[in-house]
Amino acid sequence: MSAEPTHHHAHVVWQGGRQDLRAHTVRLGEQVVEGSAASELGGDPAKADPEEMFVASLSSCHMLWFLDHARRRHLRVSAYEDEAVGEMDGTRFTRVVLRPHIEWQGDAPPAAVVEALHHDAHDACFIANSVTCPVEVAPT
């Protein structure tokens, strides 16, 4: 990895209206995500909220590093699914728990190998390394 700075962009546009004063869009690459505030704060529960996107970014980062480290060990993952949950105390995240479920091509590696893959993925995840709350992995 280069020590050169990299830049990562998100284009956020507020478009609040009478139905949802918190409505906005988030453009990431060529995708647009409809956003609002968390439903507890009066937002539309059908739209993504910033807290969900934060939890999703941690889950996605961990998954991508897990897949990378598995590939390096010549292990074939056939499916990866995570039901991640972020806990807040009202003003800040107190922890995020990742609950990945992994399916393997062929026999699953020993539990110690899977645990090492999660450890390596956690250590490599840029986002987990940037947050102050603990990020725990509790595989299912």
N, C-alpha and C. Protein backbone atom coordinates (compact mmCIF):
# COMPACT_ATOMS: atom_id res chain seq x y z
N MET A 1 0.84 -1.17 0.00
CA MET A 1 0.00 0.00 0.00
C MET A 1 0.88 1.24 0.00
N SER A 2 0.50 2.19 -0.78
CA SER A 2 1.24 3.43 -0.88
C SER A 2 0.94 4.33 0.31
N ALA A 3 1.94 5.10 0.72
CA ALA A 3 1.73 6.07 1.80
C ALA A 3 1.20 7.39 1.24
N GLU A 4 1.01 7.44 -0.06
CA GLU A 4 0.47 8.64 -0.69
C GLU A 4 -0.99 8.82 -0.28
N PRO A 5 -1.40 10.05 -0.03
CA PRO A 5 -2.81 10.27 0.30
C PRO A 5 -3.73 9.88 -0.86
N THR A 6 -4.88 9.34 -0.50
CA THR A 6 -5.91 9.05 -1.50
C THR A 6 -7.14 9.86 -1.12
N HIS A 7 -8.02 10.04 -2.07
CA HIS A 7 -9.22 10.84 -1.83
C HIS A 7 -10.44 10.01 -2.21
N HIS A 8 -11.47 10.09 -1.41
CA HIS A 8 -12.68 9.29 -1.60
C HIS A 8 -13.85 10.25 -1.53
N HIS A 9 -14.71 10.19 -2.53
CA HIS A 9 -15.74 11.22 -2.69
C HIS A 9 -17.15 10.67 -2.49
N ALA A 10 -17.98 11.51 -1.97
CA ALA A 10 -19.42 11.27 -1.91
C ALA A 10 -20.09 12.59 -2.24
N HIS A 11 -21.08 12.54 -3.09
CA HIS A 11 -21.82 13.74 -3.48
C HIS A 11 -23.18 13.66 -2.79
N VAL A 12 -23.43 14.56 -1.87
CA VAL A 12 -24.67 14.56 -1.09
C VAL A 12 -25.48 15.80 -1.45
N VAL A 13 -26.75 15.58 -1.79
CA VAL A 13 -27.63 16.68 -2.18
C VAL A 13 -28.89 16.61 -1.35
N TRP A 14 -29.20 17.68 -0.64
CA TRP A 14 -30.44 17.76 0.14
C TRP A 14 -31.57 18.14 -0.79
N GLN A 15 -32.68 17.46 -0.67
CA GLN A 15 -33.84 17.73 -1.50
C GLN A 15 -35.11 17.66 -0.66
N GLY A 16 -35.01 18.09 0.56
CA GLY A 16 -36.14 18.00 1.48
C GLY A 16 -37.40 18.61 0.92
N GLY A 17 -38.48 17.96 1.21
CA GLY A 17 -39.77 18.45 0.77
C GLY A 17 -40.79 18.27 1.88
N ARG A 18 -42.01 18.49 1.55
CA ARG A 18 -43.07 18.42 2.56
C ARG A 18 -43.19 17.04 3.18
N GLN A 19 -42.98 15.99 2.40
CA GLN A 19 -43.15 14.64 2.92
C GLN A 19 -41.99 14.21 3.81
N ASP A 20 -40.78 14.65 3.47
CA ASP A 20 -39.60 14.27 4.25
C ASP A 20 -38.60 15.42 4.20
N LEU A 21 -38.59 16.21 5.25
CA LEU A 21 -37.70 17.37 5.30
C LEU A 21 -36.23 16.97 5.33
N ARG A 22 -35.95 15.70 5.57
CA ARG A 22 -34.57 15.23 5.69
C ARG A 22 -34.11 14.46 4.45
N ALA A 23 -34.95 14.40 3.41
CA ALA A 23 -34.63 13.62 2.21
C ALA A 23 -33.39 14.18 1.52
N HIS A 24 -32.55 13.26 1.08
CA HIS A 24 -31.36 13.64 0.32
C HIS A 24 -30.91 12.45 -0.51
N THR A 25 -29.99 12.69 -1.42
CA THR A 25 -29.40 11.61 -2.17
C THR A 25 -27.90 11.61 -1.91
N VAL A 26 -27.34 10.43 -1.98
CA VAL A 26 -25.90 10.26 -1.83
C VAL A 26 -25.43 9.55 -3.09
N ARG A 27 -24.58 10.22 -3.86
CA ARG A 27 -24.02 9.60 -5.06
C ARG A 27 -22.63 9.09 -4.72
N LEU A 28 -22.45 7.80 -4.90
CA LEU A 28 -21.18 7.12 -4.65
C LEU A 28 -20.81 6.42 -5.95
N GLY A 29 -19.79 6.88 -6.61
CA GLY A 29 -19.48 6.34 -7.93
C GLY A 29 -20.64 6.68 -8.85
N GLU A 30 -21.16 5.67 -9.51
CA GLU A 30 -22.29 5.88 -10.42
C GLU A 30 -23.62 5.45 -9.79
N GLN A 31 -23.63 5.21 -8.49
CA GLN A 31 -24.84 4.78 -7.81
C GLN A 31 -25.41 5.92 -6.98
N VAL A 32 -26.72 5.95 -6.89
CA VAL A 32 -27.39 6.95 -6.07
C VAL A 32 -28.19 6.23 -5.00
N VAL A 33 -27.98 6.64 -3.75
CA VAL A 33 -28.69 6.07 -2.61
C VAL A 33 -29.63 7.16 -2.08
N GLU A 34 -30.89 6.79 -1.92
CA GLU A 34 -31.86 7.70 -1.32
C GLU A 34 -31.63 7.72 0.18
N GLY A 35 -31.48 8.90 0.76
CA GLY A 35 -31.18 9.01 2.17
C GLY A 35 -32.18 9.85 2.93
N SER A 36 -32.18 9.67 4.22
CA SER A 36 -32.99 10.45 5.15
C SER A 36 -32.32 10.32 6.51
N ALA A 37 -32.91 10.91 7.50
CA ALA A 37 -32.44 10.72 8.87
C ALA A 37 -32.95 9.38 9.38
N ALA A 38 -32.37 8.91 10.47
CA ALA A 38 -32.87 7.69 11.11
C ALA A 38 -34.35 7.88 11.46
N SER A 39 -35.11 6.82 11.41
CA SER A 39 -36.54 6.93 11.70
C SER A 39 -36.80 7.47 13.11
N GLU A 40 -35.88 7.17 14.05
CA GLU A 40 -36.02 7.68 15.42
C GLU A 40 -35.90 9.20 15.47
N LEU A 41 -35.32 9.76 14.43
CA LEU A 41 -35.15 11.22 14.35
C LEU A 41 -36.11 11.85 13.36
N GLY A 42 -37.15 11.10 13.00
CA GLY A 42 -38.17 11.64 12.11
C GLY A 42 -37.93 11.38 10.64
N GLY A 43 -36.93 10.56 10.31
CA GLY A 43 -36.63 10.27 8.92
C GLY A 43 -37.50 9.16 8.36
N ASP A 44 -37.38 8.96 7.07
CA ASP A 44 -38.13 7.94 6.35
C ASP A 44 -37.43 6.59 6.52
N PRO A 45 -38.06 5.62 7.17
CA PRO A 45 -37.40 4.32 7.40
C PRO A 45 -37.14 3.53 6.12
N ALA A 46 -37.75 3.93 5.00
CA ALA A 46 -37.53 3.24 3.74
C ALA A 46 -36.24 3.70 3.06
N LYS A 47 -35.62 4.76 3.59
CA LYS A 47 -34.39 5.30 3.00
C LYS A 47 -33.21 5.03 3.93
N ALA A 48 -32.03 4.98 3.34
CA ALA A 48 -30.81 4.76 4.13
C ALA A 48 -30.53 5.99 4.99
N ASP A 49 -30.07 5.75 6.22
CA ASP A 49 -29.67 6.88 7.06
C ASP A 49 -28.16 6.83 7.27
N PRO A 50 -27.57 7.95 7.69
CA PRO A 50 -26.10 7.98 7.83
C PRO A 50 -25.56 6.92 8.78
N GLU A 51 -26.29 6.60 9.82
CA GLU A 51 -25.83 5.59 10.77
C GLU A 51 -25.76 4.22 10.11
N GLU A 52 -26.78 3.90 9.31
CA GLU A 52 -26.76 2.62 8.58
C GLU A 52 -25.60 2.58 7.59
N MET A 53 -25.36 3.70 6.91
CA MET A 53 -24.27 3.73 5.94
C MET A 53 -22.91 3.58 6.63
N PHE A 54 -22.79 4.10 7.85
CA PHE A 54 -21.56 3.93 8.62
C PHE A 54 -21.34 2.46 8.94
N VAL A 55 -22.38 1.79 9.44
CA VAL A 55 -22.28 0.36 9.76
C VAL A 55 -21.99 -0.43 8.48
N ALA A 56 -22.66 -0.09 7.39
CA ALA A 56 -22.43 -0.79 6.12
C ALA A 56 -21.00 -0.61 5.64
N SER A 57 -20.43 0.58 5.83
CA SER A 57 -19.05 0.79 5.37
C SER A 57 -18.07 -0.08 6.16
N LEU A 58 -18.30 -0.24 7.46
CA LEU A 58 -17.44 -1.12 8.26
C LEU A 58 -17.59 -2.57 7.82
N SER A 59 -18.83 -3.00 7.59
CA SER A 59 -19.08 -4.37 7.16
C SER A 59 -18.46 -4.65 5.79
N SER A 60 -18.67 -3.74 4.87
CA SER A 60 -18.15 -3.90 3.52
C SER A 60 -16.63 -3.94 3.51
N CYS A 61 -15.99 -3.05 4.25
CA CYS A 61 -14.54 -3.00 4.32
C CYS A 61 -13.99 -4.31 4.88
N HIS A 62 -14.58 -4.78 5.97
CA HIS A 62 -14.13 -6.04 6.58
C HIS A 62 -14.28 -7.19 5.58
N MET A 63 -15.44 -7.25 4.92
CA MET A 63 -15.70 -8.32 3.97
C MET A 63 -14.67 -8.32 2.85
N LEU A 64 -14.39 -7.16 2.28
CA LEU A 64 -13.44 -7.10 1.16
C LEU A 64 -12.05 -7.55 1.58
N TRP A 65 -11.61 -7.16 2.77
CA TRP A 65 -10.31 -7.62 3.26
C TRP A 65 -10.33 -9.10 3.59
N PHE A 66 -11.44 -9.60 4.15
CA PHE A 66 -11.56 -11.03 4.43
C PHE A 66 -11.41 -11.83 3.14
N LEU A 67 -12.15 -11.42 2.10
CA LEU A 67 -12.08 -12.12 0.82
C LEU A 67 -10.66 -12.06 0.24
N ASP A 68 -10.00 -10.93 0.38
CA ASP A 68 -8.64 -10.78 -0.10
C ASP A 68 -7.69 -11.74 0.62
N HIS A 69 -7.78 -11.77 1.95
CA HIS A 69 -6.89 -12.65 2.72
C HIS A 69 -7.21 -14.13 2.48
N ALA A 70 -8.48 -14.46 2.28
CA ALA A 70 -8.84 -15.85 1.95
C ALA A 70 -8.23 -16.23 0.60
N ARG A 71 -8.34 -15.34 -0.37
CA ARG A 71 -7.76 -15.61 -1.69
C ARG A 71 -6.25 -15.82 -1.60
N ARG A 72 -5.59 -15.00 -0.78
CA ARG A 72 -4.14 -15.13 -0.62
C ARG A 72 -3.76 -16.52 -0.07
N ARG A 73 -4.67 -17.11 0.71
CA ARG A 73 -4.42 -18.45 1.27
C ARG A 73 -5.00 -19.55 0.38
N HIS A 74 -5.44 -19.14 -0.79
CA HIS A 74 -6.01 -20.08 -1.77
C HIS A 74 -7.26 -20.77 -1.24
N LEU A 75 -8.04 -20.04 -0.45
CA LEU A 75 -9.32 -20.53 0.06
C LEU A 75 -10.42 -19.87 -0.77
N ARG A 76 -11.41 -20.65 -1.15
CA ARG A 76 -12.48 -20.17 -2.02
C ARG A 76 -13.75 -19.93 -1.23
N VAL A 77 -14.16 -18.68 -1.16
CA VAL A 77 -15.43 -18.32 -0.53
C VAL A 77 -16.49 -18.33 -1.62
N SER A 78 -17.62 -19.01 -1.37
CA SER A 78 -18.69 -19.03 -2.36
C SER A 78 -19.79 -18.03 -2.02
N ALA A 79 -19.91 -17.65 -0.75
CA ALA A 79 -20.90 -16.65 -0.35
C ALA A 79 -20.47 -16.02 0.98
N TYR A 80 -20.79 -14.76 1.13
CA TYR A 80 -20.46 -14.02 2.36
C TYR A 80 -21.64 -13.10 2.62
N GLU A 81 -22.19 -13.17 3.82
CA GLU A 81 -23.33 -12.35 4.19
C GLU A 81 -23.12 -11.87 5.62
N ASP A 82 -23.45 -10.62 5.86
CA ASP A 82 -23.24 -10.04 7.19
C ASP A 82 -24.50 -9.32 7.65
N GLU A 83 -24.89 -9.55 8.88
CA GLU A 83 -25.98 -8.82 9.53
C GLU A 83 -25.34 -7.95 10.61
N ALA A 84 -24.69 -6.89 10.19
CA ALA A 84 -23.97 -6.02 11.10
C ALA A 84 -24.93 -5.12 11.87
N VAL A 85 -24.56 -4.81 13.12
CA VAL A 85 -25.39 -3.95 13.97
C VAL A 85 -24.49 -2.94 14.66
N GLY A 86 -24.88 -1.68 14.58
CA GLY A 86 -24.17 -0.64 15.30
C GLY A 86 -25.00 -0.21 16.49
N GLU A 87 -24.35 -0.05 17.64
CA GLU A 87 -25.04 0.40 18.85
C GLU A 87 -24.59 1.82 19.18
N MET A 88 -25.57 2.64 19.52
CA MET A 88 -25.29 4.03 19.88
C MET A 88 -25.81 4.31 21.28
N ASP A 89 -25.18 5.26 21.95
CA ASP A 89 -25.66 5.66 23.28
C ASP A 89 -26.53 6.92 23.19
N GLY A 90 -26.90 7.28 22.00
CA GLY A 90 -27.71 8.48 21.79
C GLY A 90 -26.95 9.56 21.05
N THR A 91 -25.65 9.64 21.26
CA THR A 91 -24.86 10.67 20.59
C THR A 91 -23.67 10.12 19.83
N ARG A 92 -23.30 8.86 20.10
CA ARG A 92 -22.13 8.30 19.42
C ARG A 92 -22.25 6.78 19.38
N PHE A 93 -21.52 6.20 18.44
CA PHE A 93 -21.48 4.74 18.38
C PHE A 93 -20.63 4.22 19.54
N THR A 94 -21.16 3.22 20.22
CA THR A 94 -20.41 2.59 21.32
C THR A 94 -19.77 1.29 20.87
N ARG A 95 -20.31 0.68 19.82
CA ARG A 95 -19.69 -0.50 19.23
C ARG A 95 -20.44 -0.87 17.97
N VAL A 96 -19.75 -1.61 17.12
CA VAL A 96 -20.35 -2.20 15.93
C VAL A 96 -19.99 -3.68 15.97
N VAL A 97 -21.00 -4.52 15.78
CA VAL A 97 -20.79 -5.96 15.77
C VAL A 97 -21.06 -6.48 14.36
N LEU A 98 -20.05 -7.11 13.78
CA LEU A 98 -20.19 -7.76 12.48
C LEU A 98 -20.52 -9.22 12.73
N ARG A 99 -21.51 -9.72 12.00
CA ARG A 99 -21.94 -11.11 12.16
C ARG A 99 -21.88 -11.84 10.82
N PRO A 100 -20.68 -12.01 10.29
CA PRO A 100 -20.59 -12.62 8.96
C PRO A 100 -20.92 -14.12 8.98
N HIS A 101 -21.59 -14.52 7.93
CA HIS A 101 -21.84 -15.93 7.66
C HIS A 101 -21.16 -16.23 6.33
N ILE A 102 -20.26 -17.20 6.33
CA ILE A 102 -19.45 -17.49 5.16
C ILE A 102 -19.70 -18.91 4.70
N GLU A 103 -19.86 -19.06 3.40
CA GLU A 103 -19.95 -20.39 2.79
C GLU A 103 -18.71 -20.58 1.94
N TRP A 104 -18.19 -21.79 1.98
CA TRP A 104 -16.93 -22.11 1.31
C TRP A 104 -17.16 -23.07 0.16
N GLN A 105 -16.33 -22.96 -0.86
CA GLN A 105 -16.31 -23.98 -1.90
C GLN A 105 -15.50 -25.14 -1.35
N GLY A 106 -16.10 -26.30 -1.33
CA GLY A 106 -15.42 -27.45 -0.73
C GLY A 106 -15.54 -27.39 0.78
N ASP A 107 -14.63 -28.05 1.45
CA ASP A 107 -14.65 -28.11 2.91
C ASP A 107 -14.25 -26.76 3.50
N ALA A 108 -14.92 -26.41 4.57
CA ALA A 108 -14.58 -25.17 5.28
C ALA A 108 -13.22 -25.34 5.95
N PRO A 109 -12.42 -24.29 5.98
CA PRO A 109 -11.14 -24.38 6.68
C PRO A 109 -11.38 -24.52 8.19
N PRO A 110 -10.37 -24.93 8.93
CA PRO A 110 -10.51 -25.03 10.39
C PRO A 110 -10.89 -23.67 11.00
N ALA A 111 -11.58 -23.74 12.13
CA ALA A 111 -12.04 -22.52 12.81
C ALA A 111 -10.89 -21.56 13.10
N ALA A 112 -9.73 -22.08 13.44
CA ALA A 112 -8.58 -21.22 13.75
C ALA A 112 -8.15 -20.42 12.52
N VAL A 113 -8.27 -21.01 11.34
CA VAL A 113 -7.91 -20.31 10.10
C VAL A 113 -8.92 -19.20 9.82
N VAL A 114 -10.20 -19.51 9.99
CA VAL A 114 -11.24 -18.50 9.76
C VAL A 114 -11.06 -17.35 10.75
N GLU A 115 -10.77 -17.67 12.00
CA GLU A 115 -10.53 -16.63 13.01
C GLU A 115 -9.34 -15.76 12.62
N ALA A 116 -8.29 -16.38 12.12
CA ALA A 116 -7.11 -15.62 11.68
C ALA A 116 -7.46 -14.72 10.49
N LEU A 117 -8.30 -15.21 9.58
CA LEU A 117 -8.72 -14.39 8.44
C LEU A 117 -9.49 -13.16 8.92
N HIS A 118 -10.39 -13.35 9.89
CA HIS A 118 -11.13 -12.20 10.44
C HIS A 118 -10.18 -11.23 11.14
N HIS A 119 -9.23 -11.75 11.86
CA HIS A 119 -8.25 -10.89 12.54
C HIS A 119 -7.45 -10.08 11.52
N ASP A 120 -6.98 -10.73 10.48
CA ASP A 120 -6.22 -10.04 9.44
C ASP A 120 -7.07 -9.00 8.73
N ALA A 121 -8.32 -9.36 8.44
CA ALA A 121 -9.23 -8.42 7.78
C ALA A 121 -9.48 -7.20 8.66
N HIS A 122 -9.69 -7.43 9.94
CA HIS A 122 -9.92 -6.32 10.87
C HIS A 122 -8.70 -5.40 10.93
N ASP A 123 -7.52 -5.99 11.00
CA ASP A 123 -6.29 -5.19 11.06
C ASP A 123 -6.08 -4.38 9.79
N ALA A 124 -6.54 -4.89 8.66
CA ALA A 124 -6.32 -4.21 7.38
C ALA A 124 -7.39 -3.19 7.05
N CYS A 125 -8.56 -3.29 7.67
CA CYS A 125 -9.69 -2.42 7.32
C CYS A 125 -9.40 -0.97 7.68
N PHE A 126 -9.33 -0.13 6.66
CA PHE A 126 -9.04 1.29 6.86
C PHE A 126 -10.09 1.97 7.73
N ILE A 127 -11.32 1.59 7.54
CA ILE A 127 -12.40 2.26 8.27
C ILE A 127 -12.39 1.83 9.73
N ALA A 128 -12.23 0.54 10.00
CA ALA A 128 -12.15 0.08 11.39
C ALA A 128 -10.96 0.72 12.10
N ASN A 129 -9.89 0.96 11.36
CA ASN A 129 -8.71 1.60 11.95
C ASN A 129 -8.89 3.10 12.17
N SER A 130 -9.99 3.65 11.67
CA SER A 130 -10.22 5.09 11.75
C SER A 130 -11.29 5.49 12.76
N VAL A 131 -11.99 4.51 13.34
CA VAL A 131 -13.08 4.84 14.25
C VAL A 131 -12.66 4.64 15.69
N THR A 132 -13.37 5.30 16.60
CA THR A 132 -13.03 5.19 18.02
C THR A 132 -13.81 4.11 18.74
N CYS A 133 -14.94 3.67 18.18
CA CYS A 133 -15.71 2.62 18.85
C CYS A 133 -15.14 1.26 18.48
N PRO A 134 -15.31 0.26 19.35
CA PRO A 134 -14.85 -1.09 19.00
C PRO A 134 -15.67 -1.67 17.86
N VAL A 135 -14.99 -2.43 17.01
CA VAL A 135 -15.64 -3.17 15.94
C VAL A 135 -15.35 -4.64 16.24
N GLU A 136 -16.40 -5.37 16.58
CA GLU A 136 -16.27 -6.77 16.99
C GLU A 136 -16.74 -7.68 15.86
N VAL A 137 -16.16 -8.85 15.77
CA VAL A 137 -16.57 -9.84 14.79
C VAL A 137 -17.09 -11.06 15.54
N ALA A 138 -18.34 -11.41 15.26
CA ALA A 138 -18.99 -12.56 15.89
C ALA A 138 -19.57 -13.43 14.78
N PRO A 139 -18.73 -14.25 14.15
CA PRO A 139 -19.22 -15.06 13.01
C PRO A 139 -20.38 -15.96 13.42
N THR A 140 -21.27 -16.17 12.47
CA THR A 140 -22.42 -17.07 12.70
C THR A 140 -22.15 -18.42 12.09
